């Protein structure tokens, strides 16, 4: 599970060779969600505050997330993405 960003205790990662649609995974404490890139559909449970931060961050970095999705599918090293500050 290569991590691409960390902020406020939130860890964002993508899995190599993951299934479509393009998405990323997020952990915050014991909570975990999957977020669709571009669509924003969320699967799983997370506090509203943390999820709001994740969705804000994802909107800012959609192109970088999609690039990392393509890299992960090709089993290439992922690029770090700036955290939310």
Protein backbone atom coordinates (compact mmCIF):
# COMPACT_ATOMS: atom_id res chain seq x y z
CA UNK A 1 0.00 0.00 0.00
CA UNK A 2 2.13 2.89 -1.23
CA UNK A 3 1.35 6.10 0.66
CA UNK A 4 1.07 9.22 -1.48
CA UNK A 5 0.16 11.79 1.20
CA UNK A 6 -0.27 12.31 4.95
CA UNK A 7 -1.95 15.21 6.73
CA UNK A 8 -3.70 15.75 10.06
CA UNK A 9 -3.39 12.04 10.91
CA UNK A 10 -4.93 11.06 7.57
CA UNK A 11 -3.01 8.59 5.38
CA UNK A 12 -3.77 8.41 1.64
CA UNK A 13 -2.61 5.41 -0.38
CA UNK A 14 -3.19 3.53 -3.61
CA UNK A 15 -2.82 -0.19 -4.21
CA UNK A 16 -0.89 -1.56 -7.15
CA UNK A 17 -3.03 -3.25 -9.80
CA UNK A 18 -6.26 -2.25 -8.05
CA UNK A 19 -9.66 -2.72 -9.72
CA UNK A 20 -11.54 0.05 -11.60
CA UNK A 21 -13.02 2.59 -11.21
CA UNK A 22 -9.99 4.75 -10.36
CA UNK A 23 -9.93 5.31 -6.60
CA UNK A 24 -7.71 5.79 -3.58
CA UNK A 25 -7.81 4.55 -0.01
CA UNK A 26 -7.71 6.62 3.16
CA UNK A 27 -7.07 5.68 6.79
CA UNK A 28 -7.74 7.85 9.78
CA UNK A 29 -7.24 6.08 13.09
CA UNK A 30 -9.21 2.85 12.78
CA UNK A 31 -11.50 4.21 10.06
CA UNK A 32 -10.95 3.52 6.38
CA UNK A 33 -12.69 4.69 3.23
CA UNK A 34 -12.26 4.32 -0.50
CA UNK A 35 -12.84 7.44 -2.62
CA UNK A 36 -13.48 7.42 -6.37
CA UNK A 37 -11.15 9.78 -8.23
CA UNK A 38 -13.17 12.42 -10.05
CA UNK A 39 -16.52 11.11 -8.91
CA UNK A 40 -16.06 11.45 -5.19
CA UNK A 41 -18.15 8.37 -4.35
CA UNK A 42 -17.14 7.15 -0.89
CA UNK A 43 -17.26 3.61 0.47
CA UNK A 44 -16.61 2.93 4.14
CA UNK A 45 -16.86 4.97 7.34
CA UNK A 46 -14.93 7.96 8.63
CA UNK A 47 -15.67 10.97 10.80
CA UNK A 48 -17.39 13.78 8.93
CA UNK A 49 -14.57 16.18 9.75
CA UNK A 50 -11.83 13.88 8.41
CA UNK A 51 -13.87 12.98 5.33
CA UNK A 52 -14.48 16.67 4.59
CA UNK A 53 -10.70 17.24 4.67
CA UNK A 54 -10.08 14.23 2.41
CA UNK A 55 -12.62 15.40 -0.17
CA UNK A 56 -11.23 18.94 -0.11
CA UNK A 57 -7.71 17.56 -0.64
CA UNK A 58 -8.87 15.21 -3.42
CA UNK A 59 -10.54 18.06 -5.32
CA UNK A 60 -7.27 20.01 -5.24
CA UNK A 61 -5.19 17.05 -6.45
CA UNK A 62 -7.45 15.18 -8.87
CA UNK A 63 -4.93 15.24 -11.74
CA UNK A 64 -2.11 14.00 -9.52
CA UNK A 65 -4.33 11.24 -8.10
CA UNK A 66 -5.24 10.09 -11.62
CA UNK A 67 -1.57 10.10 -12.64
CA UNK A 68 -0.72 7.98 -9.59
CA UNK A 69 -3.62 5.64 -10.41
CA UNK A 70 -2.10 5.08 -13.86
CA UNK A 71 1.37 4.57 -12.35
CA UNK A 72 0.02 2.07 -9.81
CA UNK A 73 -1.80 0.10 -12.52
CA UNK A 74 1.51 -0.06 -14.43
CA UNK A 75 3.33 -1.11 -11.21
CA UNK A 76 5.58 1.95 -11.33
CA UNK A 77 6.70 4.06 -8.35
CA UNK A 78 4.09 6.54 -7.19
CA UNK A 79 4.66 10.26 -6.81
CA UNK A 80 4.09 12.02 -3.49
CA UNK A 81 1.24 14.53 -3.38
CA UNK A 82 1.36 17.68 -1.26
CA UNK A 83 -0.61 17.40 1.97
CA UNK A 84 -3.47 19.65 2.92
CA UNK A 85 -2.19 22.48 5.10
